[in-house]
Amino acid sequence: MEVRVLLFASVRQSAGGDEIRIDVPDGTTAGDLLDRLREKIPALEGLADRIKLAVNEEFVDRSYEIQPGDEVAVIPPMSGG
């Protein structure tokens, strides 16, 4: 199934755009998807354990199973104060 992944902040800059579409097999979890994205977007490598994932505008655990039509957002840690 094809998943639309929205990218924010430094991840967006590294990927060269604000979204990516990726094909994943049925049964893919949010954590599996993040692993696949790390292969495509090297900037995720050092951030993976601190990234938040949201599916359809709701934060999810990495064990969440991606469903057809889901929209996943990758939200890296933010700095500032």
Protein backbone atom coordinates (compact mmCIF):
# COMPACT_ATOMS: atom_id res chain seq x y z
CA MET A 1 0.00 0.00 0.00
CA GLU A 2 1.14 3.54 -0.61
CA VAL A 3 1.50 5.82 2.42
CA ARG A 4 1.73 9.60 2.30
CA VAL A 5 4.31 10.84 4.80
CA LEU A 6 4.45 14.51 5.78
CA LEU A 7 7.86 15.86 6.75
CA PHE A 8 8.59 18.81 9.04
CA ALA A 9 11.50 21.04 10.09
CA SER A 10 15.01 19.64 9.52
CA VAL A 11 13.65 16.41 8.06
CA ARG A 12 11.79 18.35 5.36
CA GLN A 13 14.95 20.28 4.53
CA SER A 14 17.05 17.13 4.33
CA ALA A 15 14.51 15.31 2.13
CA GLY A 16 14.14 18.32 -0.17
CA GLY A 17 10.37 18.47 0.17
CA ASP A 18 7.47 18.44 2.58
CA GLU A 19 6.17 14.98 1.76
CA ILE A 20 7.20 11.60 0.47
CA ARG A 21 5.14 8.66 -0.71
CA ILE A 22 6.37 5.21 0.15
CA ASP A 23 5.08 1.72 -0.59
CA VAL A 24 4.87 -0.60 2.41
CA PRO A 25 3.41 -4.07 2.83
CA ASP A 26 0.24 -4.74 4.80
CA GLY A 27 0.98 -5.10 8.51
CA THR A 28 3.64 -2.37 8.54
CA THR A 29 3.88 -0.57 11.87
CA ALA A 30 4.74 3.08 12.39
CA GLY A 31 8.15 1.92 13.67
CA ASP A 32 8.71 -0.18 10.54
CA LEU A 33 7.82 2.83 8.41
CA LEU A 34 10.30 4.98 10.31
CA ASP A 35 13.00 2.38 9.68
CA ARG A 36 12.23 2.50 5.94
CA LEU A 37 12.33 6.28 5.98
CA ARG A 38 15.74 6.24 7.69
CA GLU A 39 17.09 4.43 4.62
CA LYS A 40 15.76 7.19 2.34
CA ILE A 41 16.45 10.23 4.54
CA PRO A 42 19.88 10.07 6.23
CA ALA A 43 19.07 13.03 8.52
CA LEU A 44 16.72 10.75 10.45
CA GLU A 45 19.56 8.49 11.57
CA GLY A 46 20.58 10.50 14.61
CA LEU A 47 17.03 11.57 15.48
CA ALA A 48 15.06 8.34 15.17
CA ASP A 49 14.68 7.72 18.90
CA ARG A 50 13.37 11.28 19.50
CA ILE A 51 11.02 11.59 16.53
CA LYS A 52 7.28 11.75 17.14
CA LEU A 53 4.94 10.04 14.70
CA ALA A 54 1.37 11.12 14.09
CA VAL A 55 -1.18 9.27 11.99
CA ASN A 56 -4.19 11.21 10.75
CA GLU A 57 -3.24 14.07 13.10
CA GLU A 58 -3.04 11.88 16.24
CA PHE A 59 0.23 10.90 17.91
CA VAL A 60 0.75 7.14 17.79
CA ASP A 61 3.01 4.56 19.34
CA ARG A 62 5.52 2.89 17.05
CA SER A 63 3.53 -0.33 17.30
CA TYR A 64 0.54 1.27 15.53
CA GLU A 65 -0.29 -0.71 12.37
CA ILE A 66 -0.51 1.52 9.31
CA GLN A 67 -3.86 1.28 7.50
CA PRO A 68 -4.67 2.06 3.85
CA GLY A 69 -5.34 5.79 3.49
CA ASP A 70 -3.40 6.77 6.61
CA GLU A 71 -1.42 10.00 6.48
CA VAL A 72 1.73 9.84 8.61
CA ALA A 73 3.56 12.90 9.94
CA VAL A 74 7.22 12.72 10.98
CA ILE A 75 7.89 15.34 13.62
CA PRO A 76 11.53 15.79 14.68
CA PRO A 77 12.51 17.30 18.03
CA MET A 78 12.34 21.08 18.02
CA SER A 79 14.83 23.42 19.57
CA GLY A 80 14.16 26.85 20.94
CA GLY A 81 12.65 28.29 24.01
